[in-house]
Each structure stands twice: as structure tokens, then as C-alpha cells.
PDB file of N, CA and C in Angstrom:
ATOM      1  N   MET A   1    -107.706 -52.160 -29.836  1.00  0.00           N
ATOM      2  CA  MET A   1    -108.236 -50.841 -29.611  1.00  0.00           C
ATOM      3  C   MET A   1    -107.893 -49.976 -30.820  1.00  0.00           C
ATOM      4  N   ARG A   2    -108.822 -49.187 -31.256  1.00  0.00           N
ATOM      5  CA  ARG A   2    -108.619 -48.333 -32.421  1.00  0.00           C
ATOM      6  C   ARG A   2    -109.007 -46.902 -32.059  1.00  0.00           C
ATOM      7  N   LEU A   3    -108.148 -45.973 -32.393  1.00  0.00           N
ATOM      8  CA  LEU A   3    -108.427 -44.568 -32.166  1.00  0.00           C
ATOM      9  C   LEU A   3    -108.728 -43.908 -33.499  1.00  0.00           C
ATOM     10  N   THR A   4    -109.748 -43.080 -33.520  1.00  0.00           N
ATOM     11  CA  THR A   4    -110.092 -42.346 -34.736  1.00  0.00           C
ATOM     12  C   THR A   4    -109.969 -40.865 -34.459  1.00  0.00           C
ATOM     13  N   LEU A   5    -109.164 -40.193 -35.271  1.00  0.00           N
ATOM     14  CA  LEU A   5    -108.989 -38.751 -35.143  1.00  0.00           C
ATOM     15  C   LEU A   5    -109.651 -38.077 -36.335  1.00  0.00           C
ATOM     16  N   ARG A   6    -110.409 -37.034 -36.070  1.00  0.00           N
ATOM     17  CA  ARG A   6    -111.058 -36.297 -37.152  1.00  0.00           C
ATOM     18  C   ARG A   6    -110.667 -34.827 -37.047  1.00  0.00           C
ATOM     19  N   TRP A   7    -110.333 -34.258 -38.164  1.00  0.00           N
ATOM     20  CA  TRP A   7    -110.002 -32.840 -38.230  1.00  0.00           C
ATOM     21  C   TRP A   7    -110.669 -32.293 -39.466  1.00  0.00           C
ATOM     22  N   PHE A   8    -111.709 -31.522 -39.281  1.00  0.00           N
ATOM     23  CA  PHE A   8    -112.535 -31.016 -40.371  1.00  0.00           C
ATOM     24  C   PHE A   8    -112.989 -32.185 -41.237  1.00  0.00           C
ATOM     25  N   GLU A   9    -112.585 -32.244 -42.487  1.00  0.00           N
ATOM     26  CA  GLU A   9    -113.049 -33.301 -43.397  1.00  0.00           C
ATOM     27  C   GLU A   9    -112.120 -34.520 -43.422  1.00  0.00           C
ATOM     28  N   GLU A  10    -110.978 -34.423 -42.780  1.00  0.00           N
ATOM     29  CA  GLU A  10    -110.019 -35.526 -42.814  1.00  0.00           C
ATOM     30  C   GLU A  10    -110.211 -36.432 -41.600  1.00  0.00           C
ATOM     31  N   GLN A  11    -109.888 -37.700 -41.794  1.00  0.00           N
ATOM     32  CA  GLN A  11    -110.029 -38.678 -40.721  1.00  0.00           C
ATOM     33  C   GLN A  11    -108.846 -39.627 -40.755  1.00  0.00           C
ATOM     34  N   TRP A  12    -108.277 -39.899 -39.582  1.00  0.00           N
ATOM     35  CA  TRP A  12    -107.173 -40.856 -39.487  1.00  0.00           C
ATOM     36  C   TRP A  12    -107.546 -41.912 -38.475  1.00  0.00           C
ATOM     37  N   GLU A  13    -107.173 -43.130 -38.732  1.00  0.00           N
ATOM     38  CA  GLU A  13    -107.363 -44.218 -37.781  1.00  0.00           C
ATOM     39  C   GLU A  13    -106.002 -44.667 -37.295  1.00  0.00           C
ATOM     40  N   ILE A  14    -105.900 -44.802 -36.002  1.00  0.00           N
ATOM     41  CA  ILE A  14    -104.648 -45.219 -35.403  1.00  0.00           C
ATOM     42  C   ILE A  14    -104.894 -46.540 -34.700  1.00  0.00           C
ATOM     43  N   LYS A  15    -104.073 -47.523 -35.019  1.00  0.00           N
ATOM     44  CA  LYS A  15    -104.166 -48.818 -34.361  1.00  0.00           C
ATOM     45  C   LYS A  15    -102.933 -48.980 -33.479  1.00  0.00           C
ATOM     46  N   PRO A  16    -103.034 -48.563 -32.232  1.00  0.00           N
ATOM     47  CA  PRO A  16    -101.867 -48.616 -31.360  1.00  0.00           C
ATOM     48  C   PRO A  16    -101.487 -50.044 -30.997  1.00  0.00           C
ATOM     49  N   THR A  17    -100.235 -50.209 -30.684  1.00  0.00           N
ATOM     50  CA  THR A  17     -99.781 -51.515 -30.221  1.00  0.00           C
ATOM     51  C   THR A  17    -100.366 -51.766 -28.838  1.00  0.00           C
ATOM     52  N   GLN A  18    -100.259 -52.966 -28.360  1.00  0.00           N
ATOM     53  CA  GLN A  18    -100.828 -53.318 -27.058  1.00  0.00           C
ATOM     54  C   GLN A  18    -100.251 -52.439 -25.953  1.00  0.00           C
ATOM     55  N   GLY A  19     -98.937 -52.148 -26.010  1.00  0.00           N
ATOM     56  CA  GLY A  19     -98.313 -51.316 -24.988  1.00  0.00           C
ATOM     57  C   GLY A  19     -98.881 -49.909 -24.965  1.00  0.00           C
ATOM     58  N   VAL A  20     -99.098 -49.337 -26.139  1.00  0.00           N
ATOM     59  CA  VAL A  20     -99.657 -47.988 -26.215  1.00  0.00           C
ATOM     60  C   VAL A  20    -101.093 -47.977 -25.706  1.00  0.00           C
ATOM     61  N   ALA A  21    -101.869 -48.973 -26.072  1.00  0.00           N
ATOM     62  CA  ALA A  21    -103.262 -49.053 -25.633  1.00  0.00           C
ATOM     63  C   ALA A  21    -103.341 -49.186 -24.111  1.00  0.00           C
ATOM     64  N   THR A  22    -102.484 -49.996 -23.542  1.00  0.00           N
ATOM     65  CA  THR A  22    -102.462 -50.174 -22.088  1.00  0.00           C
ATOM     66  C   THR A  22    -102.057 -48.873 -21.405  1.00  0.00           C
ATOM     67  N   HIS A  23    -101.043 -48.214 -21.945  1.00  0.00           N
ATOM     68  CA  HIS A  23    -100.587 -46.944 -21.382  1.00  0.00           C
ATOM     69  C   HIS A  23    -101.697 -45.895 -21.442  1.00  0.00           C
ATOM     70  N   LEU A  24    -102.404 -45.845 -22.565  1.00  0.00           N
ATOM     71  CA  LEU A  24    -103.495 -44.887 -22.720  1.00  0.00           C
ATOM     72  C   LEU A  24    -104.599 -45.160 -21.702  1.00  0.00           C
ATOM     73  N   LYS A  25    -104.943 -46.421 -21.531  1.00  0.00           N
ATOM     74  CA  LYS A  25    -105.989 -46.803 -20.576  1.00  0.00           C
ATOM     75  C   LYS A  25    -105.570 -46.422 -19.153  1.00  0.00           C
ATOM     76  N   GLN A  26    -104.311 -46.685 -18.792  1.00  0.00           N
ATOM     77  CA  GLN A  26    -103.824 -46.338 -17.466  1.00  0.00           C
ATOM     78  C   GLN A  26    -103.803 -44.826 -17.270  1.00  0.00           C
ATOM     79  N   SER A  27    -103.444 -44.092 -18.306  1.00  0.00           N
ATOM     80  CA  SER A  27    -103.419 -42.632 -18.214  1.00  0.00           C
ATOM     81  C   SER A  27    -104.815 -42.077 -17.971  1.00  0.00           C
ATOM     82  N   ILE A  28    -105.780 -42.614 -18.667  1.00  0.00           N
ATOM     83  CA  ILE A  28    -107.168 -42.153 -18.502  1.00  0.00           C
ATOM     84  C   ILE A  28    -107.661 -42.477 -17.099  1.00  0.00           C
ATOM     85  N   LEU A  29    -107.378 -43.688 -16.622  1.00  0.00           N
ATOM     86  CA  LEU A  29    -107.801 -44.070 -15.270  1.00  0.00           C
ATOM     87  C   LEU A  29    -107.120 -43.210 -14.207  1.00  0.00           C
ATOM     88  N   THR A  30    -105.847 -42.928 -14.395  1.00  0.00           N
ATOM     89  CA  THR A  30    -105.119 -42.064 -13.462  1.00  0.00           C
ATOM     90  C   THR A  30    -105.724 -40.670 -13.448  1.00  0.00           C
ATOM     91  N   TRP A  31    -106.026 -40.133 -14.620  1.00  0.00           N
ATOM     92  CA  TRP A  31    -106.618 -38.805 -14.711  1.00  0.00           C
ATOM     93  C   TRP A  31    -107.976 -38.775 -14.011  1.00  0.00           C
ATOM     94  N   LEU A  32    -108.813 -39.789 -14.239  1.00  0.00           N
ATOM     95  CA  LEU A  32    -110.131 -39.843 -13.597  1.00  0.00           C
ATOM     96  C   LEU A  32    -109.999 -39.931 -12.081  1.00  0.00           C
ATOM     97  N   GLU A  33    -109.047 -40.715 -11.615  1.00  0.00           N
ATOM     98  CA  GLU A  33    -108.832 -40.843 -10.177  1.00  0.00           C
ATOM     99  C   GLU A  33    -108.402 -39.518  -9.567  1.00  0.00           C
ATOM    100  N   GLN A  34    -107.488 -38.818 -10.229  1.00  0.00           N
ATOM    101  CA  GLN A  34    -107.033 -37.532  -9.729  1.00  0.00           C
ATOM    102  C   GLN A  34    -108.154 -36.494  -9.765  1.00  0.00           C
ATOM    103  N   ALA A  35    -108.964 -36.520 -10.805  1.00  0.00           N
ATOM    104  CA  ALA A  35    -110.086 -35.590 -10.902  1.00  0.00           C
ATOM    105  C   ALA A  35    -111.087 -35.844  -9.777  1.00  0.00           C
ATOM    106  N   ALA A  36    -111.349 -37.099  -9.474  1.00  0.00           N
ATOM    107  CA  ALA A  36    -112.275 -37.436  -8.382  1.00  0.00           C
ATOM    108  C   ALA A  36    -111.721 -36.963  -7.042  1.00  0.00           C
ATOM    109  N   GLN A  37    -110.419 -37.139  -6.825  1.00  0.00           N
ATOM    110  CA  GLN A  37    -109.802 -36.685  -5.581  1.00  0.00           C
ATOM    111  C   GLN A  37    -109.895 -35.167  -5.442  1.00  0.00           C
ATOM    112  N   ARG A  38    -109.639 -34.439  -6.536  1.00  0.00           N
ATOM    113  CA  ARG A  38    -109.732 -32.979  -6.485  1.00  0.00           C
ATOM    114  C   ARG A  38    -111.165 -32.529  -6.211  1.00  0.00           C
ATOM    115  N   PHE A  39    -112.133 -33.245  -6.785  1.00  0.00           N
ATOM    116  CA  PHE A  39    -113.540 -32.918  -6.580  1.00  0.00           C
ATOM    117  C   PHE A  39    -113.908 -33.075  -5.103  1.00  0.00           C
ATOM    118  N   VAL A  40    -113.507 -34.176  -4.498  1.00  0.00           N
ATOM    119  CA  VAL A  40    -113.809 -34.421  -3.088  1.00  0.00           C
ATOM    120  C   VAL A  40    -113.103 -33.390  -2.210  1.00  0.00           C
ATOM    121  N   GLN A  41    -111.843 -33.077  -2.530  1.00  0.00           N
ATOM    122  CA  GLN A  41    -111.125 -32.062  -1.762  1.00  0.00           C
ATOM    123  C   GLN A  41    -111.822 -30.715  -1.846  1.00  0.00           C
ATOM    124  N   ARG A  42    -112.320 -30.378  -3.014  1.00  0.00           N
ATOM    125  CA  ARG A  42    -113.024 -29.103  -3.197  1.00  0.00           C
ATOM    126  C   ARG A  42    -114.317 -29.062  -2.381  1.00  0.00           C
ATOM    127  N   LEU A  43    -115.043 -30.188  -2.382  1.00  0.00           N
ATOM    128  CA  LEU A  43    -116.265 -30.252  -1.581  1.00  0.00           C
ATOM    129  C   LEU A  43    -115.954 -30.084  -0.099  1.00  0.00           C
ATOM    130  N   MET A  44    -114.891 -30.732   0.353  1.00  0.00           N
ATOM    131  CA  MET A  44    -114.522 -30.637   1.757  1.00  0.00           C
ATOM    132  C   MET A  44    -114.051 -29.225   2.100  1.00  0.00           C
ATOM    133  N   ALA A  45    -113.332 -28.599   1.201  1.00  0.00           N
ATOM    134  CA  ALA A  45    -112.840 -27.237   1.455  1.00  0.00           C
ATOM    135  C   ALA A  45    -113.997 -26.266   1.576  1.00  0.00           C
ATOM    136  N   ASP A  46    -115.038 -26.466   0.785  1.00  0.00           N
ATOM    137  CA  ASP A  46    -116.197 -25.578   0.842  1.00  0.00           C
ATOM    138  C   ASP A  46    -116.970 -25.738   2.142  1.00  0.00           C
ATOM    139  N   ALA A  47    -116.804 -26.866   2.821  1.00  0.00           N
ATOM    140  CA  ALA A  47    -117.535 -27.120   4.057  1.00  0.00           C
ATOM    141  C   ALA A  47    -116.786 -26.602   5.285  1.00  0.00           C
ATOM    142  N   GLU A  48    -115.528 -26.245   5.132  1.00  0.00           N
ATOM    143  CA  GLU A  48    -114.739 -25.768   6.258  1.00  0.00           C
ATOM    144  C   GLU A  48    -115.096 -24.324   6.602  1.00  0.00           C
ATOM    145  N   PRO A  49    -115.078 -23.989   7.894  1.00  0.00           N
ATOM    146  CA  PRO A  49    -115.365 -22.608   8.273  1.00  0.00           C
ATOM    147  C   PRO A  49    -114.260 -21.663   7.797  1.00  0.00           C
ATOM    148  N   GLN A  50    -114.649 -20.491   7.412  1.00  0.00           N
ATOM    149  CA  GLN A  50    -113.704 -19.459   7.004  1.00  0.00           C
ATOM    150  C   GLN A  50    -113.515 -18.530   8.208  1.00  0.00           C
ATOM    151  N   VAL A  51    -112.272 -18.333   8.627  1.00  0.00           N
ATOM    152  CA  VAL A  51    -111.967 -17.524   9.797  1.00  0.00           C
ATOM    153  C   VAL A  51    -111.024 -16.401   9.382  1.00  0.00           C
ATOM    154  N   TRP A  52    -111.308 -15.187   9.847  1.00  0.00           N
ATOM    155  CA  TRP A  52    -110.419 -14.065   9.542  1.00  0.00           C
ATOM    156  C   TRP A  52    -110.395 -13.106  10.726  1.00  0.00           C
ATOM    157  N   GLN A  53    -109.378 -12.267  10.704  1.00  0.00           N
ATOM    158  CA  GLN A  53    -109.131 -11.340  11.795  1.00  0.00           C
ATOM    159  C   GLN A  53    -109.319  -9.905  11.316  1.00  0.00           C
ATOM    160  N   THR A  54    -109.852  -9.062  12.188  1.00  0.00           N
ATOM    161  CA  THR A  54    -109.939  -7.625  11.890  1.00  0.00           C
ATOM    162  C   THR A  54    -109.322  -6.864  13.065  1.00  0.00           C
ATOM    163  N   THR A  55    -108.930  -5.654  12.797  1.00  0.00           N
ATOM    164  CA  THR A  55    -108.351  -4.797  13.833  1.00  0.00           C
ATOM    165  C   THR A  55    -109.146  -3.497  13.882  1.00  0.00           C
ATOM    166  N   ASP A  56    -109.526  -3.090  15.087  1.00  0.00           N
ATOM    167  CA  ASP A  56    -110.294  -1.848  15.200  1.00  0.00           C
ATOM    168  C   ASP A  56    -109.352  -0.638  15.242  1.00  0.00           C
ATOM    169  N   ALA A  57    -109.917   0.547  15.380  1.00  0.00           N
ATOM    170  CA  ALA A  57    -109.136   1.790  15.356  1.00  0.00           C
ATOM    171  C   ALA A  57    -108.131   1.875  16.498  1.00  0.00           C
ATOM    172  N   ASN A  58    -108.395   1.170  17.588  1.00  0.00           N
ATOM    173  CA  ASN A  58    -107.490   1.181  18.742  1.00  0.00           C
ATOM    174  C   ASN A  58    -106.407   0.101  18.645  1.00  0.00           C
ATOM    175  N   GLY A  59    -106.430  -0.684  17.557  1.00  0.00           N
ATOM    176  CA  GLY A  59    -105.430  -1.738  17.373  1.00  0.00           C
ATOM    177  C   GLY A  59    -105.799  -3.067  18.010  1.00  0.00           C
ATOM    178  N   LYS A  60    -107.017  -3.174  18.546  1.00  0.00           N
ATOM    179  CA  LYS A  60    -107.446  -4.432  19.158  1.00  0.00           C
ATOM    180  C   LYS A  60    -107.886  -5.403  18.069  1.00  0.00           C
ATOM    181  N   ARG A  61    -107.468  -6.655  18.202  1.00  0.00           N
ATOM    182  CA  ARG A  61    -107.817  -7.685  17.210  1.00  0.00           C
ATOM    183  C   ARG A  61    -109.136  -8.356  17.568  1.00  0.00           C
ATOM    184  N   TRP A  62    -109.941  -8.561  16.541  1.00  0.00           N
ATOM    185  CA  TRP A  62    -111.225  -9.252  16.680  1.00  0.00           C
ATOM    186  C   TRP A  62    -111.262 -10.386  15.669  1.00  0.00           C
ATOM    187  N   TRP A  63    -112.018 -11.407  15.996  1.00  0.00           N
ATOM    188  CA  TRP A  63    -112.115 -12.580  15.137  1.00  0.00           C
ATOM    189  C   TRP A  63    -113.502 -12.673  14.526  1.00  0.00           C
ATOM    190  N   ASN A  64    -113.532 -13.177  13.293  1.00  0.00           N
ATOM    191  CA  ASN A  64    -114.781 -13.352  12.548  1.00  0.00           C
ATOM    192  C   ASN A  64    -114.749 -14.733  11.895  1.00  0.00           C
ATOM    193  N   ALA A  65    -115.934 -15.296  11.670  1.00  0.00           N
ATOM    194  CA  ALA A  65    -115.984 -16.608  11.016  1.00  0.00           C
ATOM    195  C   ALA A  65    -117.330 -16.807  10.348  1.00  0.00           C
ATOM    196  N   HIS A  66    -117.295 -17.641   9.323  1.00  0.00           N
ATOM    197  CA  HIS A  66    -118.530 -18.079   8.670  1.00  0.00           C
ATOM    198  C   HIS A  66    -118.401 -19.570   8.410  1.00  0.00           C
ATOM    199  N   ASP A  67    -119.434 -20.315   8.771  1.00  0.00           N
ATOM    200  CA  ASP A  67    -119.456 -21.763   8.574  1.00  0.00           C
ATOM    201  C   ASP A  67    -120.446 -22.079   7.455  1.00  0.00           C
ATOM    202  N   PRO A  68    -119.974 -22.407   6.242  1.00  0.00           N
ATOM    203  CA  PRO A  68    -120.896 -22.681   5.138  1.00  0.00           C
ATOM    204  C   PRO A  68    -121.751 -23.925   5.350  1.00  0.00           C
ATOM    205  N   ALA A  69    -121.284 -24.842   6.180  1.00  0.00           N
ATOM    206  CA  ALA A  69    -122.059 -26.070   6.427  1.00  0.00           C
ATOM    207  C   ALA A  69    -123.334 -25.777   7.204  1.00  0.00           C
ATOM    208  N   THR A  70    -123.285 -24.792   8.107  1.00  0.00           N
ATOM    209  CA  THR A  70    -124.457 -24.471   8.930  1.00  0.00           C
ATOM    210  C   THR A  70    -125.028 -23.090   8.633  1.00  0.00           C
ATOM    211  N   SER A  71    -124.349 -22.312   7.810  1.00  0.00           N
ATOM    212  CA  SER A  71    -124.709 -20.923   7.484  1.00  0.00           C
ATOM    213  C   SER A  71    -124.663 -20.007   8.702  1.00  0.00           C
ATOM    214  N   ARG A  72    -123.924 -20.406   9.735  1.00  0.00           N
ATOM    215  CA  ARG A  72    -123.770 -19.570  10.921  1.00  0.00           C
ATOM    216  C   ARG A  72    -122.543 -18.692  10.766  1.00  0.00           C
ATOM    217  N   SER A  73    -122.616 -17.505  11.328  1.00  0.00           N
ATOM    218  CA  SER A  73    -121.491 -16.569  11.292  1.00  0.00           C
ATOM    219  C   SER A  73    -121.270 -15.985  12.670  1.00  0.00           C
ATOM    220  N   LEU A  74    -120.058 -15.510  12.876  1.00  0.00           N
ATOM    221  CA  LEU A  74    -119.682 -14.889  14.132  1.00  0.00           C
ATOM    222  C   LEU A  74    -118.795 -13.702  13.781  1.00  0.00           C
ATOM    223  N   TYR A  75    -119.078 -12.535  14.343  1.00  0.00           N
ATOM    224  CA  TYR A  75    -118.341 -11.333  13.980  1.00  0.00           C
ATOM    225  C   TYR A  75    -117.813 -10.597  15.206  1.00  0.00           C
ATOM    226  N   ASN A  76    -116.593 -10.094  15.104  1.00  0.00           N
ATOM    227  CA  ASN A  76    -115.972  -9.226  16.106  1.00  0.00           C
ATOM    228  C   ASN A  76    -116.049  -9.783  17.520  1.00  0.00           C
ATOM    229  N   VAL A  77    -115.461 -10.945  17.691  1.00  0.00           N
ATOM    230  CA  VAL A  77    -115.425 -11.577  19.013  1.00  0.00           C
ATOM    231  C   VAL A  77    -113.966 -11.770  19.419  1.00  0.00           C
ATOM    232  N   PRO A  78    -113.707 -11.878  20.718  1.00  0.00           N
ATOM    233  CA  PRO A  78    -112.343 -12.141  21.168  1.00  0.00           C
ATOM    234  C   PRO A  78    -111.901 -13.569  20.817  1.00  0.00           C
ATOM    235  N   GLU A  79    -110.604 -13.804  20.896  1.00  0.00           N
ATOM    236  CA  GLU A  79    -110.041 -15.104  20.508  1.00  0.00           C
ATOM    237  C   GLU A  79    -110.662 -16.262  21.291  1.00  0.00           C
ATOM    238  N   ALA A  80    -110.862 -16.094  22.591  1.00  0.00           N
ATOM    239  CA  ALA A  80    -111.408 -17.177  23.419  1.00  0.00           C
ATOM    240  C   ALA A  80    -112.802 -17.581  22.943  1.00  0.00           C
ATOM    241  N   GLU A  81    -113.621 -16.607  22.587  1.00  0.00           N
ATOM    242  CA  GLU A  81    -114.969 -16.912  22.105  1.00  0.00           C
ATOM    243  C   GLU A  81    -114.920 -17.619  20.755  1.00  0.00           C
ATOM    244  N   MET A  82    -113.978 -17.207  19.900  1.00  0.00           N
ATOM    245  CA  MET A  82    -113.828 -17.864  18.596  1.00  0.00           C
ATOM    246  C   MET A  82    -113.406 -19.319  18.781  1.00  0.00           C
ATOM    247  N   ARG A  83    -112.458 -19.555  19.683  1.00  0.00           N
ATOM    248  CA  ARG A  83    -112.011 -20.923  19.944  1.00  0.00           C
ATOM    249  C   ARG A  83    -113.178 -21.787  20.440  1.00  0.00           C
ATOM    250  N   ALA A  84    -113.968 -21.234  21.341  1.00  0.00           N
ATOM    251  CA  ALA A  84    -115.112 -21.976  21.875  1.00  0.00           C
ATOM    252  C   ALA A  84    -116.117 -22.291  20.763  1.00  0.00           C
ATOM    253  N   TRP A  85    -116.353 -21.339  19.882  1.00  0.00           N
ATOM    254  CA  TRP A  85    -117.285 -21.531  18.769  1.00  0.00           C
ATOM    255  C   TRP A  85    -116.804 -22.645  17.840  1.00  0.00           C
ATOM    256  N   LEU A  86    -115.502 -22.627  17.527  1.00  0.00           N
ATOM    257  CA  LEU A  86    -114.942 -23.668  16.662  1.00  0.00           C
ATOM    258  C   LEU A  86    -114.960 -25.036  17.348  1.00  0.00           C
ATOM    259  N   GLU A  87    -114.634 -25.072  18.634  1.00  0.00           N
ATOM    260  CA  GLU A  87    -114.661 -26.344  19.352  1.00  0.00           C
ATOM    261  C   GLU A  87    -116.066 -26.919  19.399  1.00  0.00           C
ATOM    262  N   GLN A  88    -117.062 -26.059  19.545  1.00  0.00           N
ATOM    263  CA  GLN A  88    -118.448 -26.527  19.567  1.00  0.00           C
ATOM    264  C   GLN A  88    -118.813 -27.145  18.214  1.00  0.00           C
ATOM    265  N   ARG A  89    -118.285 -26.581  17.137  1.00  0.00           N
ATOM    266  CA  ARG A  89    -118.573 -27.116  15.802  1.00  0.00           C
ATOM    267  C   ARG A  89    -117.998 -28.523  15.650  1.00  0.00           C
ATOM    268  N   TYR A  90    -116.772 -28.717  16.113  1.00  0.00           N
ATOM    269  CA  TYR A  90    -116.104 -30.003  15.924  1.00  0.00           C
ATOM    270  C   TYR A  90    -116.370 -30.992  17.046  1.00  0.00           C
ATOM    271  N   TYR A  91    -116.646 -30.488  18.235  1.00  0.00           N
ATOM    272  CA  TYR A  91    -116.908 -31.360  19.379  1.00  0.00           C
ATOM    273  C   TYR A  91    -118.177 -30.904  20.079  1.00  0.00           C
ATOM    274  N   PRO A  92    -119.341 -31.121  19.454  1.00  0.00           N
ATOM    275  CA  PRO A  92    -120.599 -30.634  20.069  1.00  0.00           C
ATOM    276  C   PRO A  92    -120.870 -31.348  21.400  1.00  0.00           C
ATOM    277  N   VAL A  93    -121.410 -30.586  22.331  1.00  0.00           N
ATOM    278  CA  VAL A  93    -121.771 -31.119  23.630  1.00  0.00           C
ATOM    279  C   VAL A  93    -123.116 -31.812  23.490  1.00  0.00           C
ATOM    280  N   LYS A  94    -123.179 -33.066  23.933  1.00  0.00           N
ATOM    281  CA  LYS A  94    -124.446 -33.813  23.861  1.00  0.00           C
ATOM    282  C   LYS A  94    -125.377 -33.349  24.978  1.00  0.00           C
ATOM    283  N   ALA A  95    -126.661 -33.371  24.701  1.00  0.00           N
ATOM    284  CA  ALA A  95    -127.663 -32.896  25.662  1.00  0.00           C
ATOM    285  C   ALA A  95    -127.583 -33.660  26.971  1.00  0.00           C
ATOM    286  N   ASN A  96    -127.383 -34.984  26.913  1.00  0.00           N
ATOM    287  CA  ASN A  96    -127.337 -35.800  28.131  1.00  0.00           C
ATOM    288  C   ASN A  96    -126.062 -35.546  28.928  1.00  0.00           C
ATOM    289  N   ALA A  97    -124.992 -35.133  28.300  1.00  0.00           N
ATOM    290  CA  ALA A  97    -123.729 -34.908  28.998  1.00  0.00           C
ATOM    291  C   ALA A  97    -123.827 -33.717  29.944  1.00  0.00           C
ATOM    292  N   SER A  98    -124.651 -32.731  29.608  1.00  0.00           N
ATOM    293  CA  SER A  98    -124.771 -31.544  30.460  1.00  0.00           C
ATOM    294  C   SER A  98    -125.565 -31.840  31.722  1.00  0.00           C
ATOM    295  N   ARG A  99    -126.372 -32.888  31.728  1.00  0.00           N
ATOM    296  CA  ARG A  99    -127.175 -33.246  32.898  1.00  0.00           C
ATOM    297  C   ARG A  99    -126.384 -34.060  33.905  1.00  0.00           C
ATOM    298  N   ALA A 100    -125.303 -34.698  33.471  1.00  0.00           N
ATOM    299  CA  ALA A 100    -124.532 -35.588  34.351  1.00  0.00           C
ATOM    300  C   ALA A 100    -123.751 -34.832  35.388  1.00  0.00           C
TER     301      ALA A 100
END
């Protein structure tokens, strides 16, 4: 394996030993693997619903959410309704199950 470094008009060739070449190859593969993992994690994070809380003038807490996967949103609902909305997202009720 030969590495060529160029800086403006100058050029250097480096002929690493087998150990250095192997280490470089492993480093590149490790970096690519980590980059792929971060990419997948980022995609998954973007698909998760965003949930936040607001408080009205009387101090009552309300829940809000936006689901980027479905583009659905829910605003100013009580906790029980928010829980039901999230459960429906992760555990949808099948049409045939409601008839049984």
C-alpha cells in the first residue's frame, strides 16, 4: 500500500509497513461503521414523536405532540389522551379485533 500526500506543489510518497497499512485499513473501516451507525440513529430519531408539555394561566398542564412519521399532531390534551395517542401509534388496533 502506498500513500501519496500533496501540499501545493510538493508531493511525498509514504510506503507504510504492513502493520501501519493494516492499522490504517482497520481505522477506516471502524470510522465507516461508526458513521453508518450514527446515520441510522439519526434517521430513527427523526421518526420518533416529539412530546412536550405546556402550562396554562391557571397552572394546569397540557400535553402536545408531533409525529414526523405520520405528520400528525396533537395539542393541549390531558395526559390520559396523550398516552392513548402514543399507544395507538405503537400498538395500533386492528380492524378485525374491534369486531370480536
